Protein backbone atom coordinates (compact mmCIF):
# COMPACT_ATOMS: atom_id res chain seq x y z
CA MET A 1 -11.71 -7.72 15.67
CA ASN A 2 -11.15 -10.65 18.02
CA LYS A 3 -13.69 -12.80 16.17
CA TYR A 4 -11.65 -12.67 12.93
CA THR A 5 -9.06 -15.27 11.96
CA SER A 6 -5.37 -14.36 11.78
CA GLU A 7 -5.62 -14.42 7.98
CA GLN A 8 -8.56 -12.01 7.99
CA LYS A 9 -6.73 -9.70 10.41
CA SER A 10 -3.68 -9.70 8.14
CA ILE A 11 -5.81 -8.73 5.16
CA ILE A 12 -7.51 -5.90 7.09
CA TYR A 13 -4.13 -4.65 8.33
CA VAL A 14 -2.42 -4.59 4.92
CA VAL A 15 -5.37 -3.02 3.11
CA MET A 16 -5.79 -0.35 5.79
CA VAL A 17 -2.11 0.61 5.76
CA THR A 18 -1.87 0.79 1.98
CA SER A 19 -5.08 2.82 1.81
CA PHE A 20 -3.64 5.21 4.37
CA VAL A 21 -0.29 5.72 2.61
CA SER A 22 -1.73 6.38 -0.84
CA THR A 23 -4.27 8.93 0.36
CA PHE A 24 -1.84 10.58 2.76
CA THR A 25 0.46 11.43 -0.15
CA ALA A 26 -2.35 12.82 -2.28
CA SER A 27 -3.73 15.08 0.45
CA ALA A 28 -0.29 16.21 1.63
CA LEU A 29 0.76 17.26 -1.88
CA ASN A 30 -2.28 19.54 -2.24
CA LEU A 31 -0.65 21.90 0.26
CA SER A 32 2.55 21.93 -1.82
CA ILE A 33 1.01 23.00 -5.13
CA PRO A 34 1.92 26.72 -4.79
CA ALA A 35 5.48 25.80 -3.71
CA MET A 36 5.90 23.34 -6.60
CA SER A 37 4.63 25.98 -9.01
CA ARG A 38 7.43 28.29 -7.84
CA THR A 39 10.05 25.51 -8.01
CA PHE A 40 9.30 24.54 -11.60
CA HIS A 41 8.23 28.02 -12.80
CA VAL A 42 4.95 26.86 -14.37
CA SER A 43 1.52 28.48 -14.59
CA ALA A 44 -1.51 27.89 -12.40
CA GLY A 45 -3.13 25.82 -15.15
CA THR A 46 -0.05 23.69 -15.79
CA ILE A 47 0.81 22.85 -12.17
CA GLY A 48 -2.50 21.00 -11.85
CA TRP A 49 -0.96 18.19 -13.91
CA VAL A 50 1.00 17.14 -10.81
CA VAL A 51 -2.35 15.86 -9.53
CA THR A 52 -4.06 15.09 -12.85
CA SER A 53 -1.26 12.92 -14.28
CA TYR A 54 -1.39 10.63 -11.26
CA MET A 55 -5.16 10.32 -11.37
CA LEU A 56 -5.20 9.78 -15.13
CA ALA A 57 -2.71 6.90 -14.84
CA ILE A 58 -4.88 5.24 -12.19
CA ALA A 59 -8.02 5.73 -14.29
CA ALA A 60 -6.41 4.23 -17.40
CA MET A 61 -4.70 1.26 -15.75
CA SER A 62 -7.00 0.09 -12.94
CA VAL A 63 -9.31 -2.04 -15.09
CA PRO A 64 -6.51 -3.80 -17.05
CA PHE A 65 -4.69 -4.66 -13.82
CA GLY A 66 -7.95 -5.75 -12.22
CA ARG A 67 -8.47 -8.17 -15.09
CA ILE A 68 -4.92 -9.52 -14.76
CA ALA A 69 -5.57 -10.05 -11.04
CA ASP A 70 -8.77 -11.96 -11.82
CA ILE A 71 -7.06 -14.47 -14.11
CA THR A 72 -3.89 -14.90 -12.01
CA GLN A 73 -3.65 -13.94 -8.33
CA LYS A 74 -4.55 -10.62 -6.78
CA LYS A 75 -1.42 -10.76 -4.63
CA LEU A 76 0.74 -10.95 -7.76
CA VAL A 77 -0.63 -7.57 -8.86
CA PHE A 78 -0.98 -5.98 -5.43
CA ILE A 79 2.61 -6.42 -4.19
CA PRO A 80 4.41 -5.31 -7.41
CA GLY A 81 2.11 -2.29 -7.40
CA LEU A 82 3.27 -1.40 -3.90
CA PHE A 83 6.89 -1.73 -5.02
CA ILE A 84 6.38 0.53 -8.06
CA PHE A 85 4.54 3.07 -5.94
CA SER A 86 7.35 3.06 -3.38
CA VAL A 87 10.27 3.39 -5.81
CA SER A 88 8.60 6.10 -7.91
CA SER A 89 7.90 8.07 -4.73
CA LEU A 90 11.59 8.08 -3.87
CA ALA A 91 12.55 9.10 -7.41
CA ALA A 92 9.97 11.93 -7.39
CA ALA A 93 11.74 13.46 -4.39
CA PHE A 94 14.72 14.11 -6.67
CA ALA A 95 12.82 15.30 -9.77
CA TRP A 96 14.99 17.83 -11.60
CA ASN A 97 12.35 19.48 -13.82
CA PHE A 98 8.61 19.57 -14.42
CA ALA A 99 8.66 16.88 -17.11
CA ALA A 100 10.44 14.52 -14.71
CA ILE A 101 7.96 15.04 -11.89
CA ILE A 102 5.04 14.41 -14.27
CA ALA A 103 6.64 11.22 -15.65
CA LEU A 104 7.26 9.94 -12.13
CA ARG A 105 3.75 10.82 -11.04
CA VAL A 106 2.45 8.75 -13.97
CA LEU A 107 4.61 5.83 -12.82
CA GLN A 108 3.36 6.31 -9.28
CA GLY A 109 -0.19 6.26 -10.66
CA ILE A 110 0.47 2.94 -12.41
CA GLY A 111 1.58 1.49 -9.08
CA GLY A 112 -1.48 3.02 -7.47
CA ALA A 113 -3.71 1.40 -10.09
CA MET A 114 -2.25 -2.00 -9.25
CA ILE A 115 -3.05 -1.39 -5.58
CA PHE A 116 -6.53 0.10 -5.96
CA SER A 117 -7.70 -2.48 -8.49
CA THR A 118 -7.04 -5.33 -6.05
CA ASN A 119 -7.26 -4.15 -2.44
CA THR A 120 -11.07 -4.00 -2.19
CA ALA A 121 -11.43 -7.38 -3.93
CA ILE A 122 -8.83 -8.92 -1.58
CA LEU A 123 -10.69 -7.51 1.41
CA ILE A 124 -14.27 -8.53 0.61
CA SER A 125 -13.26 -11.96 -0.70
CA ALA A 126 -12.22 -12.91 2.83
CA PHE A 127 -15.50 -12.00 4.55
CA PRO A 128 -19.15 -13.10 4.32
CA GLY A 129 -21.76 -10.77 2.87
CA ASN A 130 -23.16 -9.67 6.23
CA GLU A 131 -19.68 -8.46 7.29
CA ARG A 132 -18.85 -6.69 4.04
CA GLY A 133 -20.05 -3.21 4.96
CA LYS A 134 -18.22 -3.30 8.30
CA VAL A 135 -14.81 -4.27 6.89
CA LEU A 136 -15.26 -1.80 4.03
CA GLY A 137 -15.79 0.79 6.74
CA PHE A 138 -12.36 -0.08 8.21
CA SER A 139 -10.78 0.41 4.79
CA VAL A 140 -12.54 3.68 4.11
CA ALA A 141 -11.69 4.95 7.61
CA SER A 142 -7.98 4.35 6.91
CA VAL A 143 -8.35 6.24 3.64
CA TYR A 144 -9.76 9.17 5.55
CA ALA A 145 -7.10 8.88 8.24
CA GLY A 146 -4.56 9.47 5.46
CA LEU A 147 -6.65 12.35 4.19
CA SER A 148 -6.84 13.76 7.73
CA LEU A 149 -3.16 13.57 8.56
CA GLY A 150 -2.05 14.59 5.07
CA PRO A 151 -3.03 18.28 5.17
CA VAL A 152 -1.47 18.86 8.61
CA ALA A 153 1.71 16.86 8.06
CA GLY A 154 1.98 18.02 4.45
CA GLY A 155 1.59 21.66 5.40
CA ILE A 156 4.23 21.43 8.15
CA MET A 157 6.67 19.43 6.00
CA ASN A 158 6.22 21.76 3.04
CA ASN A 159 6.80 24.81 5.21
CA TYR A 160 9.89 23.55 7.05
CA LEU A 161 11.39 20.78 4.89
CA GLY A 162 10.07 21.48 1.39
CA TRP A 163 7.66 19.49 -0.81
CA ARG A 164 10.30 16.86 -1.66
CA SER A 165 10.19 15.59 1.91
CA ILE A 166 6.60 14.40 1.36
CA PHE A 167 7.77 11.99 -1.34
CA ILE A 168 10.58 10.73 0.89
CA LEU A 169 8.15 10.00 3.73
CA THR A 170 5.84 8.24 1.26
CA PHE A 171 8.75 6.04 0.16
CA VAL A 172 9.55 5.08 3.75
CA LEU A 173 5.95 4.25 4.64
CA SER A 174 5.15 2.36 1.44
CA GLY A 175 8.47 0.49 1.62
CA MET A 176 7.50 -0.79 5.05
CA VAL A 177 4.14 -1.88 3.65
CA VAL A 178 5.83 -3.86 0.84
CA VAL A 179 7.72 -5.93 3.40
CA THR A 180 4.61 -6.41 5.53
CA ALA A 181 2.47 -7.47 2.56
CA ILE A 182 5.01 -10.03 1.36
CA ARG A 183 5.28 -11.57 4.82
CA ARG A 184 1.64 -11.43 5.97
CA LEU A 185 -0.71 -11.26 2.99
CA PRO A 186 -2.10 -14.75 2.28
CA LYS A 187 -2.40 -16.14 -1.21
CA THR A 188 -5.68 -15.35 -2.92
CA ALA A 189 -7.69 -17.70 -5.07
CA ARG A 190 -6.31 -18.40 -8.50
CA ARG A 191 -8.25 -17.88 -11.68
CA GLN A 192 -11.94 -18.75 -11.56
CA SER A 193 -11.81 -20.68 -14.84
CA PRO A 194 -8.91 -22.08 -16.85
CA LYS A 195 -10.56 -20.81 -20.04
CA GLN A 196 -10.21 -17.14 -19.09
CA SER A 197 -7.86 -15.12 -21.27
CA PHE A 198 -6.47 -11.61 -21.37
CA ASP A 199 -8.21 -9.34 -23.88
CA VAL A 200 -5.20 -7.56 -25.41
CA LEU A 201 -7.10 -5.46 -27.95
CA GLY A 202 -9.76 -4.51 -25.42
CA ASN A 203 -7.14 -3.31 -22.95
CA ILE A 204 -5.33 -1.26 -25.60
CA LEU A 205 -8.60 0.34 -26.70
CA TYR A 206 -9.59 1.01 -23.10
CA ILE A 207 -6.32 2.71 -22.14
CA ALA A 208 -6.19 4.76 -25.36
CA MET A 209 -9.84 5.81 -24.93
CA ILE A 210 -9.40 7.00 -21.35
CA VAL A 211 -6.15 8.89 -22.03
CA ALA A 212 -7.45 10.55 -25.22
CA VAL A 213 -10.71 11.78 -23.67
CA MET A 214 -9.35 12.91 -20.31
CA TYR A 215 -6.14 14.48 -21.64
CA GLY A 216 -8.05 16.20 -24.40
CA PHE A 217 -10.63 17.59 -22.01
CA SER A 218 -7.92 18.83 -19.63
CA GLU A 219 -6.06 20.67 -22.39
CA ILE A 220 -9.02 21.94 -24.42
CA ALA A 221 -8.41 25.54 -23.32
CA ALA A 222 -4.71 25.41 -24.16
CA SER A 223 -4.51 23.44 -27.42
CA GLU A 224 -6.67 23.14 -30.55
CA PHE A 225 -5.39 19.57 -30.92
CA ALA A 226 -7.30 18.64 -27.75
CA VAL A 227 -10.62 18.66 -29.62
CA PHE A 228 -9.33 15.98 -31.99
CA LEU A 229 -8.21 13.88 -29.04
CA ILE A 230 -11.70 14.02 -27.55
CA ILE A 231 -13.23 12.98 -30.89
CA LEU A 232 -10.68 10.18 -31.20
CA GLY A 233 -11.51 9.04 -27.67
CA ALA A 234 -15.23 8.95 -28.51
CA ILE A 235 -14.54 6.82 -31.60
CA LEU A 236 -12.36 4.47 -29.56
CA ALA A 237 -15.12 4.22 -26.94
CA VAL A 238 -17.64 3.01 -29.54
CA TRP A 239 -15.10 0.52 -30.91
CA PHE A 240 -14.30 -0.66 -27.38
CA VAL A 241 -17.95 -1.32 -26.44
CA ARG A 242 -18.64 -3.19 -29.68
CA HIS A 243 -15.52 -5.31 -29.21
CA GLU A 244 -16.30 -6.13 -25.57
CA LEU A 245 -19.83 -7.28 -26.41
CA ARG A 246 -18.50 -9.77 -28.97
CA ILE A 247 -15.89 -11.64 -26.93
CA ASP A 248 -16.24 -14.25 -24.19
CA ASN A 249 -13.73 -12.80 -21.67
CA PRO A 250 -13.89 -8.99 -21.95
CA VAL A 251 -11.74 -6.64 -19.91
CA VAL A 252 -14.91 -4.82 -18.83
CA GLN A 253 -18.16 -6.69 -18.39
CA VAL A 254 -20.20 -4.26 -20.47
CA ARG A 255 -23.19 -6.57 -20.09
CA LEU A 256 -23.17 -5.81 -16.36
CA PHE A 257 -23.96 -2.21 -17.24
CA THR A 258 -26.56 -2.98 -19.91
CA GLY A 259 -28.47 -5.59 -17.92
CA ASN A 260 -27.94 -4.42 -14.34
CA ILE A 261 -29.34 -0.92 -13.75
CA PRO A 262 -28.44 -0.68 -10.02
CA TYR A 263 -24.83 -1.61 -10.88
CA ALA A 264 -24.65 0.86 -13.77
CA PHE A 265 -26.20 3.75 -11.85
CA SER A 266 -24.09 3.06 -8.74
CA ASN A 267 -20.93 3.33 -10.83
CA LEU A 268 -22.22 6.46 -12.53
CA ALA A 269 -23.03 7.93 -9.10
CA THR A 270 -19.42 7.20 -8.06
CA LEU A 271 -18.07 9.02 -11.10
CA LEU A 272 -20.26 12.07 -10.56
CA ASN A 273 -19.85 12.26 -6.78
CA TYR A 274 -16.05 12.17 -6.87
CA GLY A 275 -16.07 14.41 -9.94
CA ALA A 276 -17.99 16.98 -7.93
CA THR A 277 -16.08 16.77 -4.64
CA PHE A 278 -12.44 15.94 -5.36
CA ALA A 279 -11.46 19.50 -6.33
CA ILE A 280 -12.70 20.97 -3.03
CA GLY A 281 -9.47 20.29 -1.13
CA TYR A 282 -7.26 21.29 -4.08
CA LEU A 283 -9.01 24.63 -4.64
CA LEU A 284 -9.33 25.55 -0.97
CA SER A 285 -5.67 24.72 -0.28
CA ILE A 286 -4.72 27.29 -2.93
CA TYR A 287 -7.37 29.78 -1.78
CA LEU A 288 -6.25 29.67 1.85
CA GLN A 289 -2.61 30.25 0.93
CA VAL A 290 -2.87 32.66 -2.02
CA ALA A 291 -6.08 34.63 -1.33
CA MET A 292 -6.16 34.56 2.49
CA GLY A 293 -2.40 34.49 3.07
CA TYR A 294 -2.23 31.55 5.48
CA PRO A 295 1.03 29.56 5.65
CA SER A 296 0.75 25.99 4.40
CA GLN A 297 0.66 24.43 7.89
CA THR A 298 -2.26 26.66 8.96
CA ALA A 299 -4.11 25.90 5.74
CA GLY A 300 -3.59 22.20 6.47
CA ILE A 301 -5.10 22.50 9.94
CA ILE A 302 -8.19 24.18 8.44
CA LEU A 303 -8.55 21.58 5.70
CA ILE A 304 -8.39 18.70 8.19
CA SER A 305 -11.99 19.42 9.22
CA GLN A 306 -13.33 17.52 6.18
CA PRO A 307 -11.35 14.27 6.29
CA ILE A 308 -11.51 13.97 10.08
CA ILE A 309 -15.31 13.88 9.84
CA MET A 310 -15.03 11.33 7.04
CA MET A 311 -12.70 9.18 9.13
CA ALA A 312 -14.97 9.32 12.19
CA LEU A 313 -18.21 8.50 10.37
CA SER A 314 -17.07 5.99 7.73
CA PRO A 315 -16.97 2.86 9.95
CA TYR A 316 -20.49 3.60 11.19
CA ALA A 317 -21.74 4.34 7.68
CA GLY A 318 -20.30 1.05 6.44
CA LYS A 319 -21.84 -0.89 9.32
CA LEU A 320 -25.14 0.93 8.85
CA SER A 321 -25.22 -0.09 5.18
CA ASP A 322 -25.43 -3.73 6.28
CA ARG A 323 -28.80 -2.95 7.90
CA ILE A 324 -30.18 -0.05 5.84
CA SER A 325 -30.30 -0.01 2.06
CA PRO A 326 -26.81 1.10 0.89
CA PHE A 327 -28.52 2.59 -2.18
CA LYS A 328 -30.58 4.98 -0.08
CA LEU A 329 -27.76 5.77 2.34
CA SER A 330 -25.30 6.70 -0.40
CA SER A 331 -27.94 8.85 -2.15
CA PHE A 332 -28.48 10.71 1.12
CA GLY A 333 -24.73 11.32 1.34
CA MET A 334 -24.68 12.91 -2.11
CA GLY A 335 -27.26 15.41 -0.88
CA PHE A 336 -24.84 16.58 1.82
CA CYS A 337 -22.09 16.93 -0.81
CA ALA A 338 -24.33 19.14 -2.93
CA ALA A 339 -25.12 21.32 0.10
CA ALA A 340 -21.38 21.80 0.79
CA LEU A 341 -20.75 22.89 -2.79
CA VAL A 342 -23.64 25.35 -2.66
CA ILE A 343 -22.00 27.02 0.37
CA LEU A 344 -18.76 27.38 -1.60
CA ILE A 345 -20.48 28.93 -4.64
CA PHE A 346 -20.63 32.24 -2.77
CA ILE A 347 -16.93 32.32 -1.84
CA ASN A 348 -15.21 35.71 -2.06
CA VAL A 349 -11.96 37.37 -0.99
CA ASN A 350 -13.28 38.02 2.54
CA TYR A 351 -15.36 34.87 2.95
CA PRO A 352 -15.82 34.01 6.66
CA LEU A 353 -13.58 31.18 7.78
CA TRP A 354 -16.43 29.54 9.69
CA LEU A 355 -18.39 29.15 6.43
CA ILE A 356 -15.43 27.43 4.78
CA ILE A 357 -15.15 25.06 7.73
CA THR A 358 -18.92 24.46 7.62
CA ALA A 359 -18.66 23.53 3.95
CA LEU A 360 -15.75 21.17 4.66
CA VAL A 361 -17.61 19.47 7.53
CA THR A 362 -20.76 19.11 5.42
CA ALA A 363 -18.75 17.60 2.56
CA GLY A 364 -17.08 15.25 5.04
CA ILE A 365 -20.46 13.99 6.26
CA GLY A 366 -21.69 13.54 2.70
CA ILE A 367 -18.67 11.63 1.43
CA ALA A 368 -18.64 9.39 4.52
CA LEU A 369 -22.29 8.50 4.00
CA PHE A 370 -21.67 7.91 0.29
CA SER A 371 -18.38 6.06 0.03
CA SER A 372 -18.55 2.73 1.85
CA PRO A 373 -22.36 2.32 1.42
CA ASN A 374 -21.99 2.90 -2.32
CA THR A 375 -19.12 0.39 -2.50
CA ASN A 376 -21.33 -2.08 -0.65
CA ALA A 377 -24.14 -1.33 -3.12
CA VAL A 378 -21.88 -1.97 -6.13
CA MET A 379 -20.52 -5.24 -4.77
CA SER A 380 -23.99 -6.47 -3.85
CA CYS A 381 -24.97 -6.19 -7.52
CA VAL A 382 -22.43 -8.76 -8.81
CA GLN A 383 -21.47 -12.39 -8.27
CA PRO A 384 -18.26 -13.29 -6.36
CA LYS A 385 -16.57 -14.28 -9.64
CA ASP A 386 -16.90 -10.64 -10.78
CA TYR A 387 -15.56 -9.03 -7.59
CA GLY A 388 -12.20 -8.23 -9.20
CA VAL A 389 -13.74 -6.58 -12.26
CA ALA A 390 -16.31 -4.75 -10.13
CA SER A 391 -13.62 -3.54 -7.73
CA SER A 392 -11.34 -2.29 -10.50
CA THR A 393 -14.25 -0.71 -12.37
CA LEU A 394 -15.29 1.10 -9.19
CA ALA A 395 -11.70 2.27 -8.65
CA THR A 396 -11.66 3.49 -12.24
CA MET A 397 -14.91 5.40 -11.80
CA ARG A 398 -13.49 6.99 -8.68
CA SER A 399 -10.26 7.90 -10.49
CA LEU A 400 -12.15 9.15 -13.54
CA GLY A 401 -14.17 11.31 -11.16
CA HIS A 402 -10.96 12.69 -9.65
CA THR A 403 -9.48 13.27 -13.09
CA SER A 404 -12.67 14.90 -14.38
CA SER A 405 -12.76 17.16 -11.35
CA MET A 406 -9.19 18.28 -11.99
CA ALA A 407 -9.90 18.63 -15.71
CA ILE A 408 -12.73 21.04 -14.90
CA VAL A 409 -10.41 22.98 -12.60
CA THR A 410 -7.64 23.09 -15.21
CA LEU A 411 -10.04 24.28 -17.90
CA ILE A 412 -11.57 27.05 -15.78
CA VAL A 413 -8.16 28.15 -14.43
CA ARG A 414 -6.75 28.45 -17.96
CA LEU A 415 -9.79 30.44 -19.11
CA HIS A 416 -9.62 32.84 -16.15
CA MET A 417 -5.89 33.03 -15.41
CA GLY A 418 -4.10 32.04 -18.62
CA ASN A 419 -0.39 31.50 -18.02
CA THR A 420 -0.29 33.38 -14.70
CA ALA A 421 1.71 31.63 -11.98
CA LEU A 422 -0.05 30.97 -8.68
CA SER A 423 2.46 33.18 -6.86
CA ASN A 424 1.41 36.12 -9.09
CA ALA A 425 -2.33 35.45 -9.10
CA LYS A 426 -4.57 38.26 -7.89
CA PRO A 427 -6.95 37.10 -5.14
CA ALA A 428 -9.98 38.55 -6.97
CA VAL A 429 -9.17 36.59 -10.14
CA LEU A 430 -8.59 33.40 -8.14
CA VAL A 431 -11.94 33.83 -6.39
CA ASP A 432 -13.75 34.35 -9.72
CA THR A 433 -12.13 31.15 -10.97
CA MET A 434 -13.31 29.23 -7.92
CA HIS A 435 -16.80 30.73 -8.12
CA THR A 436 -17.25 29.47 -11.70
CA THR A 437 -15.77 26.07 -10.86
CA PHE A 438 -18.03 25.46 -7.87
CA ILE A 439 -21.14 26.34 -9.90
CA ILE A 440 -20.18 23.64 -12.42
CA LEU A 441 -19.42 21.15 -9.63
CA VAL A 442 -22.84 21.74 -8.04
CA ALA A 443 -24.46 20.86 -11.37
CA VAL A 444 -22.35 17.67 -11.55
CA CYS A 445 -23.33 16.66 -8.02
CA ILE A 446 -27.04 17.26 -8.59
CA SER A 447 -26.93 15.08 -11.70
CA GLY A 448 -25.30 12.39 -9.55
CA ILE A 449 -28.15 12.60 -7.05
CA PHE A 450 -30.61 12.09 -9.91
CA PHE A 451 -28.97 8.86 -11.05
CA ALA A 452 -28.47 7.62 -7.48
CA ALA A 453 -32.16 8.15 -6.75
CA LYS A 454 -33.13 6.10 -9.80
CA ARG A 455 -31.45 2.95 -8.46
CA LYS A 456 -33.48 0.05 -7.11
CA ASN A 457 -32.55 -2.31 -4.28
């Protein structure tokens, strides 16, 4: 990194640290799901909202905040987002009931949306095109460092200090990042054009559409009203697209999707890849503790095999995507993800531990080969003036994938386990639930490979 300027080093440093903190929290909390279910006395289907509510908030708010960043300054969105994320983390440590923890997770997700919708744009705006894949590799590696440390640290903290300690540590780390970002993050370019405006109606339609569809899909097994929410979301989606095509400064550049097939299919591949793989860590963290009887810290050590591979390979995958087609490289990565899910289809109560680790390692290779090359592919499809929108749209696709993955899990868990708490779940029923879920996720991943393969350089 000696060849970079002090400003470029500051940007790399801040983006890497924030990427680490946000993913550390997410991966650490996965190990606390059974404990949180016991604390709040909620069912296996309901406790998933601790994860889903956070992801849904990010999915709904990333694009609006990305648009605000484009017409003002990215720093003016990035730093307040860090502050919101930090404060809500501290408050979540003292949540007194399940409604409170969900509300605070939503607030934490809003802060996360402000971070994720700007950090990639801030990073790539400071580097030339031939360096983009390499610096994206640094960012992705820090994401996977958080994912690697999260299961181990989260499992140990949950076992000895309780799940609330994870939120306290998140507050401390993110609070330090707020100070660092204020002091060291340089100002980013102001609006590209003085004529740009904020599409109020488009943003309202977008947020309402995302929340209606994803919430409805998540609750379809528990509430008849969920079907109407999905229908409402579909109607809002049609209205949103029509509105965006008619105005000069839309919140989402729908024309980028209609006239740019590589861009459209790369975003769709992001949605499907993360939709297929995000639930792996969540389901296996429960399986290892409930079905196999491992304590949370042991389960965390087992789960680290996936993110540590991702962390090790991501910088090389990003650098490789500067020389080899990022479209082909990311498609190859999705193939590894599909192979990992196929291994997990056959999971049972006495499944060999080495097969679980093999699946995790295979998924780690696949996601590493997909993530930074696919980001490079998306950004190579747009002009610099659209980096903010492209970055926030990509973050939204990733978050929608996460939310969709959890929605599938929630739906299948409710169908198989009803209102049973995780602490009372029979291992055989849990395994049947996972078996069905992984079959669906394999189908999602294979469809993602199809769209990824249809892209052109």
